[in-house]
Each structure stands twice: as structure tokens, then as C-alpha cells.
Amino acid sequence: MKIMKLNTIRKKIFLNSIIIIALTLSMILIGYIEFYESDKFSEQILPLTSQMAELVNFKGHFESFEHNLEEFLLISNEMQKDYINDDFDNLFDSIQNLRQYEYYVESVIEIESNCLNLKELITLLLSNSNSELSSKEMNTLFVNIYLKIKNINILHNLMSTENLEQIQYHVTAQHENIRLAILELFLIGFIILILYILLGLALSKNISGSILKLKKATAEIIKGNYNIKDEIENTDEIGELAADFKTMSIQLKKTINDLEESEGKYRMLFENANDAIVILDENHIFIDCNSKALEIFKVKSN
């Protein structure tokens, strides 16, 4: 069995396949990296959306507090006091939930401080609702309550706006990352396709070029030209075949030359013989004769 050489057609195809596989794996790796970036985006966006939910929850409790305070000022009954106290409990629960996020810690502390001050003012209002207070004291108390409510709403709106801006920033960045990832994958796929075509053309040219040279050499031998000048330098199976083909043509040329030389010697002996020589086939049909036979039988050669 002939041992396969290092640079064979099979190995060329195998190496081309390895290159294509390597490029494809690199494409998959880039896709995985982009997926990992998307996963990091989820890690960034989820806390922001959770904090936004807590801010919405806080806003709902604060609006409930404002409504119950308004009802208390109109009706002034004990049930409204309980509702207001429940609203404060819910507000501080929301604040504790907001504390678990690293974003806007200072703003949360400031809201908590304003809520504590507001609770003190509301407690003073509730405890003195039936007592006689001077108009100046009541006005001062209401003004302070109004200012605290306004400050809390401003702080909440600032936090909500900044939170939405952060979410929008991350969403925009992720959209850009996805766009770039699609572009990168498209370019890599296009490059892989071009390389695959180029490798295929190079391999096809390498094989078909050698085969065309063999075909041309065969045509020359058929015409009787045994001097093959086209050298096939491939060291693969086709190169081996071309080398064997060239050796065969040299051997064939030598054999034909030997036959021609032998025929020349035979013809010389045939023509110079002193005896008449007549060649007949198996059916006794005349084929050829030498000059002595023509002379004896007094026949002229055509």
C-alpha cells in the first residue's frame, strides 16, 4: 500500500475544512461574547426597573397619604388618623425597600429625612386637631406641612427622572451593542464565505490545472509526440500520477524507438537477401516481397 505523503489532496481538503471550522467557531465565540454582554445588560437593567417599581409604589402610598390628609382636614375623624398612620408605615416600608439599591442612596436618605419631619408635623397636627391653636401657629404648621410635601414630591420626581434616564441609557447602549453584534456577525460570515470560495477555487485550480496538463499530454501522445514538456510540480496524488505518466511516456518512446530500429534492421536484411522472399498472410494473400523476388519473377514494383 502506498503511504500518503504530507501534501496530498486529502490533506489539502482537510486543512481547508479546519480553516473553515476555525472561522465558524470564532463566529460562534463572538456570538457568545455578545450574548454575555446581553446578560450583563440584564444585570444592570433589572435593579433599575425594580427601583422604578418601588418608586411607583412609594408614589402610590404618598398620594394615598395626601388624599387621607385632605379628608382629615375636611372631616377630622379618628378613622382618617388611622389611615394616615397606615400611610406613613407604608411609606417607610417603601423607603426601606429603596435602601437596598445602591443607586441614589443620598436621595433616599433625604426623602426619609423629609418623611420623618413630615410625620412629626402631622403628629402635631393630629394631636392638636381639637385644641385651640392660634391662627399664626396653625398657619405656620400648615405651611411647614405643605413645604415638606412639596420637597418630597420634588425629590421623588428627580429620582424617577434620573432612574428613567438610566434605564433609557442602558436600553440605548444595548440596542447599539446588538446592532454592532449583528454587523460583526454579518461581516465575519461574509469573510468566511469569501475565504471558503477562495480556498475552494485555489484547491480546484490546483487539481484541475494538473488534470488539464495530463489531458494535454495524453493528446500529444495520441498524436505520436512522446516528448512531454509540461512539468506538473504537485507532490500530491495527481503529481505522482503525472510522474508515472511521464515515466510511461518515456518508456513507450523507448519501446517504439527500439521497434523502429528493429524494423529497420529487418527491412535491411529483407531487401538485401540473395534469395527471393515473399510474405503471405494466413489466407495465402500476397503482402510483400523483397527486391530479389521482383528480379526473379521479373515484376516491377508499384
Protein backbone atom coordinates (compact mmCIF):
# COMPACT_ATOMS: atom_id res chain seq x y z
CA MET A 1 0.00 0.00 0.00
CA LYS A 2 1.39 3.43 -0.95
CA ILE A 3 1.93 5.67 2.07
CA MET A 4 0.11 9.00 1.82
CA LYS A 5 2.52 11.92 1.56
CA LEU A 6 2.30 15.01 3.73
CA ASN A 7 0.97 17.26 0.97
CA THR A 8 -1.87 15.23 -0.51
CA ILE A 9 -5.25 16.24 -1.89
CA ARG A 10 -6.93 14.69 1.12
CA LYS A 11 -4.79 16.74 3.49
CA LYS A 12 -5.40 19.93 1.50
CA ILE A 13 -9.15 19.38 1.78
CA PHE A 14 -8.76 18.58 5.48
CA LEU A 15 -6.72 21.73 6.13
CA ASN A 16 -9.25 23.86 4.23
CA SER A 17 -12.01 22.32 6.34
CA ILE A 18 -10.06 23.08 9.52
CA ILE A 19 -9.74 26.73 8.48
CA ILE A 20 -13.46 26.99 7.77
CA ILE A 21 -14.30 25.29 11.08
CA ALA A 22 -11.93 27.63 12.95
CA LEU A 23 -13.55 30.69 11.37
CA THR A 24 -17.01 29.34 12.13
CA LEU A 25 -16.03 28.69 15.76
CA SER A 26 -14.69 32.23 16.01
CA MET A 27 -18.04 33.46 14.75
CA ILE A 28 -19.81 31.39 17.40
CA LEU A 29 -17.42 32.71 20.06
CA ILE A 30 -18.17 36.30 19.10
CA GLY A 31 -21.88 35.50 19.27
CA TYR A 32 -21.37 34.03 22.76
CA ILE A 33 -19.47 37.13 23.87
CA GLU A 34 -22.30 39.32 22.63
CA PHE A 35 -24.76 37.09 24.48
CA TYR A 36 -22.66 37.52 27.62
CA GLU A 37 -22.83 41.29 27.15
CA SER A 38 -26.61 40.99 26.89
CA ASP A 39 -26.62 39.05 30.14
CA LYS A 40 -24.62 41.85 31.77
CA PHE A 41 -27.22 44.27 30.45
CA SER A 42 -29.90 42.29 32.29
CA GLU A 43 -27.87 42.54 35.47
CA GLN A 44 -27.72 46.31 35.06
CA ILE A 45 -31.29 46.95 33.99
CA LEU A 46 -33.12 44.71 36.48
CA PRO A 47 -32.14 46.73 39.61
CA LEU A 48 -33.19 49.91 37.83
CA THR A 49 -36.59 48.53 36.87
CA SER A 50 -37.08 47.14 40.40
CA GLN A 51 -36.21 50.52 41.87
CA MET A 52 -38.64 52.19 39.48
CA ALA A 53 -41.34 49.82 40.71
CA GLU A 54 -40.52 50.81 44.31
CA LEU A 55 -40.65 54.49 43.37
CA VAL A 56 -44.07 53.95 41.80
CA ASN A 57 -45.14 52.10 44.95
CA PHE A 58 -43.86 54.96 47.12
CA LYS A 59 -45.73 57.46 44.94
CA GLY A 60 -48.96 55.48 45.38
CA HIS A 61 -48.63 55.47 49.19
CA PHE A 62 -47.77 59.18 49.23
CA GLU A 63 -50.79 60.07 47.08
CA SER A 64 -52.92 57.99 49.47
CA PHE A 65 -51.44 59.97 52.37
CA GLU A 66 -52.25 63.28 50.65
CA HIS A 67 -55.82 62.14 50.00
CA ASN A 68 -56.35 60.96 53.60
CA LEU A 69 -54.82 64.19 54.96
CA GLU A 70 -57.20 66.20 52.83
CA GLU A 71 -60.13 64.08 54.06
CA PHE A 72 -58.99 64.53 57.66
CA LEU A 73 -58.84 68.30 57.29
CA LEU A 74 -62.39 68.22 55.92
CA ILE A 75 -63.95 65.59 58.20
CA SER A 76 -61.49 65.36 61.11
CA ASN A 77 -62.40 61.91 62.43
CA GLU A 78 -60.37 59.14 64.08
CA MET A 79 -60.61 56.79 61.10
CA GLN A 80 -58.71 59.25 58.94
CA LYS A 81 -55.98 59.41 61.58
CA ASP A 82 -55.58 55.64 61.36
CA TYR A 83 -55.41 55.82 57.57
CA ILE A 84 -52.73 58.50 57.77
CA ASN A 85 -50.66 56.43 60.22
CA ASP A 86 -51.01 53.39 57.93
CA ASP A 87 -49.84 55.52 55.01
CA PHE A 88 -46.74 56.52 56.94
CA ASP A 89 -45.99 52.87 57.76
CA ASN A 90 -46.27 52.00 54.07
CA LEU A 91 -44.08 54.97 53.10
CA PHE A 92 -41.29 53.92 55.46
CA ASP A 93 -41.56 50.32 54.21
CA SER A 94 -41.06 51.61 50.67
CA ILE A 95 -38.10 53.68 51.82
CA GLN A 96 -36.52 50.60 53.40
CA ASN A 97 -37.00 48.74 50.11
CA LEU A 98 -35.34 51.60 48.24
CA ARG A 99 -32.36 51.45 50.61
CA GLN A 100 -31.34 48.01 49.29
CA TYR A 101 -30.35 49.54 45.94
CA GLU A 102 -27.02 51.24 45.51
CA TYR A 103 -28.41 53.91 43.22
CA TYR A 104 -29.40 57.32 44.64
CA VAL A 105 -28.62 56.44 48.29
CA GLU A 106 -28.31 60.11 49.22
CA SER A 107 -31.68 60.92 47.64
CA VAL A 108 -33.35 58.08 49.56
CA ILE A 109 -31.84 59.33 52.82
CA GLU A 110 -33.07 62.83 52.06
CA ILE A 111 -36.59 61.57 51.31
CA GLU A 112 -36.55 59.57 54.54
CA SER A 113 -35.47 62.65 56.50
CA ASN A 114 -38.28 64.73 54.97
CA CYS A 115 -40.80 61.96 55.68
CA LEU A 116 -39.70 61.83 59.33
CA ASN A 117 -40.06 65.61 59.63
CA LEU A 118 -43.44 65.42 57.90
CA LYS A 119 -44.56 62.69 60.28
CA GLU A 120 -43.64 64.88 63.26
CA LEU A 121 -45.63 67.77 61.82
CA ILE A 122 -48.63 65.54 61.05
CA THR A 123 -48.45 64.02 64.55
CA LEU A 124 -48.53 67.54 65.97
CA LEU A 125 -51.49 68.38 63.74
CA LEU A 126 -53.40 65.24 64.69
CA SER A 127 -52.75 65.63 68.41
CA ASN A 128 -53.84 69.28 68.38
CA SER A 129 -56.76 68.99 65.97
CA ASN A 130 -59.33 69.61 68.70
CA SER A 131 -57.28 72.03 70.79
CA GLU A 132 -57.26 75.71 70.41
CA LEU A 133 -54.27 76.96 68.43
CA SER A 134 -53.60 80.44 67.38
CA SER A 135 -54.13 81.25 63.76
CA LYS A 136 -50.47 82.05 63.38
CA GLU A 137 -49.40 78.66 64.75
CA MET A 138 -51.89 76.82 62.55
CA ASN A 139 -50.75 78.73 59.50
CA THR A 140 -47.10 78.01 60.29
CA LEU A 141 -47.89 74.33 60.78
CA PHE A 142 -49.79 74.09 57.50
CA VAL A 143 -47.06 75.94 55.63
CA ASN A 144 -44.40 73.57 57.01
CA ILE A 145 -46.51 70.53 56.09
CA TYR A 146 -47.05 71.90 52.60
CA LEU A 147 -43.32 72.57 52.14
CA LYS A 148 -42.38 69.06 53.29
CA ILE A 149 -44.94 67.50 50.95
CA LYS A 150 -43.61 69.66 48.12
CA ASN A 151 -39.99 68.70 48.89
CA ILE A 152 -40.84 65.01 48.98
CA ASN A 153 -42.64 65.25 45.63
CA ILE A 154 -39.69 67.11 44.10
CA LEU A 155 -37.19 64.54 45.40
CA HIS A 156 -39.38 61.69 44.16
CA ASN A 157 -39.73 63.26 40.72
CA LEU A 158 -35.96 63.81 40.50
CA MET A 159 -35.25 60.20 41.43
CA SER A 160 -37.87 58.92 38.98
CA THR A 161 -36.50 61.09 36.17
CA GLU A 162 -32.90 60.02 36.84
CA ASN A 163 -33.99 56.39 37.06
CA LEU A 164 -35.77 56.62 33.72
CA GLU A 165 -32.71 58.27 32.16
CA GLN A 166 -30.50 55.43 33.42
CA ILE A 167 -32.91 52.85 32.00
CA GLN A 168 -33.05 54.70 28.69
CA TYR A 169 -29.23 54.91 28.60
CA HIS A 170 -28.78 51.17 29.19
CA VAL A 171 -31.52 50.26 26.69
CA THR A 172 -29.94 52.53 24.05
CA ALA A 173 -26.49 51.08 24.77
CA GLN A 174 -27.84 47.55 24.50
CA HIS A 175 -29.59 48.39 21.24
CA GLU A 176 -26.29 49.71 19.88
CA ASN A 177 -24.46 46.58 21.09
CA ILE A 178 -27.00 44.35 19.36
CA ARG A 179 -26.68 46.37 16.15
CA LEU A 180 -22.89 46.12 16.24
CA ALA A 181 -23.06 42.40 17.06
CA ILE A 182 -25.32 41.76 14.06
CA LEU A 183 -22.95 43.79 11.87
CA GLU A 184 -19.91 41.89 13.18
CA LEU A 185 -21.56 38.52 12.65
CA PHE A 186 -22.61 39.55 9.14
CA LEU A 187 -19.06 40.70 8.28
CA ILE A 188 -17.49 37.56 9.73
CA GLY A 189 -19.99 35.39 7.87
CA PHE A 190 -19.23 37.28 4.66
CA ILE A 191 -15.47 36.88 5.22
CA ILE A 192 -15.93 33.17 5.90
CA LEU A 193 -17.93 32.84 2.69
CA ILE A 194 -15.25 34.68 0.67
CA LEU A 195 -12.45 32.60 2.22
CA TYR A 196 -14.41 29.42 1.59
CA ILE A 197 -14.83 30.40 -2.08
CA LEU A 198 -11.16 31.38 -2.42
CA LEU A 199 -9.95 28.17 -0.78
CA GLY A 200 -12.28 26.16 -2.99
CA LEU A 201 -11.07 27.96 -6.12
CA ALA A 202 -7.42 27.51 -5.11
CA LEU A 203 -7.91 23.80 -4.47
CA SER A 204 -9.94 23.40 -7.66
CA LYS A 205 -7.30 25.25 -9.69
CA ASN A 206 -4.56 23.14 -8.16
CA ILE A 207 -6.33 19.89 -9.04
CA SER A 208 -7.97 20.84 -12.34
CA GLY A 209 -4.78 22.53 -13.63
CA SER A 210 -2.82 19.34 -13.16
CA ILE A 211 -5.58 17.27 -14.73
CA LEU A 212 -5.69 19.58 -17.77
CA LYS A 213 -1.92 19.18 -18.19
CA LEU A 214 -2.35 15.40 -18.06
CA LYS A 215 -5.12 15.63 -20.65
CA LYS A 216 -2.92 17.75 -22.91
CA ALA A 217 -0.05 15.30 -22.51
CA THR A 218 -2.35 12.40 -23.39
CA ALA A 219 -3.47 14.20 -26.56
CA GLU A 220 0.17 14.72 -27.56
CA ILE A 221 0.95 11.03 -27.07
CA ILE A 222 -2.06 10.09 -29.20
CA LYS A 223 -0.63 12.33 -31.93
CA GLY A 224 2.69 10.50 -31.66
CA ASN A 225 4.55 13.17 -29.73
CA TYR A 226 6.10 11.48 -26.73
CA ASN A 227 8.17 14.48 -25.60
CA ILE A 228 6.06 15.82 -22.71
CA LYS A 229 7.34 19.27 -21.77
CA ASP A 230 4.70 20.36 -19.24
CA GLU A 231 6.02 19.70 -15.77
CA ILE A 232 3.45 19.04 -13.02
CA GLU A 233 5.15 20.04 -9.80
CA ASN A 234 2.41 18.83 -7.44
CA THR A 235 3.55 16.43 -4.75
CA ASP A 236 0.08 15.03 -4.18
CA GLU A 237 -1.61 12.04 -5.81
CA ILE A 238 -2.01 13.90 -9.12
CA GLY A 239 1.69 14.78 -9.06
CA GLU A 240 2.50 11.11 -8.52
CA LEU A 241 0.18 10.17 -11.36
CA ALA A 242 1.83 12.77 -13.61
CA ALA A 243 5.29 11.43 -12.72
CA ASP A 244 4.16 7.87 -13.50
CA PHE A 245 2.56 9.11 -16.72
CA LYS A 246 5.78 10.82 -17.78
CA THR A 247 7.81 7.71 -16.97
CA MET A 248 5.34 5.67 -19.02
CA SER A 249 5.66 8.06 -22.00
CA ILE A 250 9.47 7.85 -21.82
CA GLN A 251 9.31 4.08 -21.65
CA LEU A 252 6.80 4.00 -24.50
CA LYS A 253 9.01 6.26 -26.61
CA LYS A 254 11.99 3.98 -25.93
CA THR A 255 9.94 0.90 -26.84
CA ILE A 256 8.76 2.49 -30.10
CA ASN A 257 12.30 3.59 -30.96
CA ASP A 258 13.52 0.05 -30.30
CA LEU A 259 10.76 -1.31 -32.54
CA GLU A 260 11.62 1.15 -35.28
CA GLU A 261 15.30 0.24 -35.01
CA SER A 262 14.44 -3.47 -35.10
CA GLU A 263 12.17 -2.90 -38.08
CA GLY A 264 14.94 -1.03 -39.88
CA LYS A 265 17.34 -3.92 -39.36
CA TYR A 266 14.71 -6.39 -40.55
CA ARG A 267 13.97 -4.28 -43.62
CA MET A 268 17.67 -4.06 -44.47
CA LEU A 269 18.07 -7.86 -44.21
CA PHE A 270 14.82 -8.33 -46.10
CA GLU A 271 15.87 -6.14 -49.01
CA ASN A 272 19.50 -7.28 -49.23
CA ALA A 273 18.84 -11.03 -49.12
CA ASN A 274 20.20 -13.08 -52.11
CA ASP A 275 17.11 -15.26 -52.06
CA ALA A 276 13.61 -14.32 -53.10
CA ILE A 277 11.40 -13.66 -50.05
CA VAL A 278 7.65 -13.45 -50.40
CA ILE A 279 5.35 -12.72 -47.43
CA LEU A 280 1.80 -14.15 -47.49
CA ASP A 281 -0.87 -13.94 -44.84
CA GLU A 282 -2.74 -16.92 -43.41
CA ASN A 283 -5.09 -16.91 -46.40
CA HIS A 284 -2.14 -17.03 -48.78
CA ILE A 285 -2.75 -13.48 -49.92
CA PHE A 286 0.34 -11.60 -51.01
CA ILE A 287 1.57 -8.95 -48.62
CA ASP A 288 5.14 -8.07 -49.54
CA CYS A 289 8.34 -9.30 -51.24
CA ASN A 290 11.94 -8.25 -51.49
CA SER A 291 13.84 -6.92 -54.49
CA LYS A 292 15.33 -10.33 -55.33
CA ALA A 293 11.80 -11.77 -55.68
CA LEU A 294 10.88 -8.96 -58.08
CA GLU A 295 14.00 -9.64 -60.06
CA ILE A 296 13.42 -13.39 -60.30
CA PHE A 297 9.76 -13.10 -61.22
CA LYS A 298 10.50 -10.14 -63.46
CA VAL A 299 7.89 -7.97 -61.78
CA LYS A 300 8.15 -4.26 -61.36
CA SER A 301 7.43 -2.59 -58.06
CA ASN A 302 4.48 -0.17 -57.95
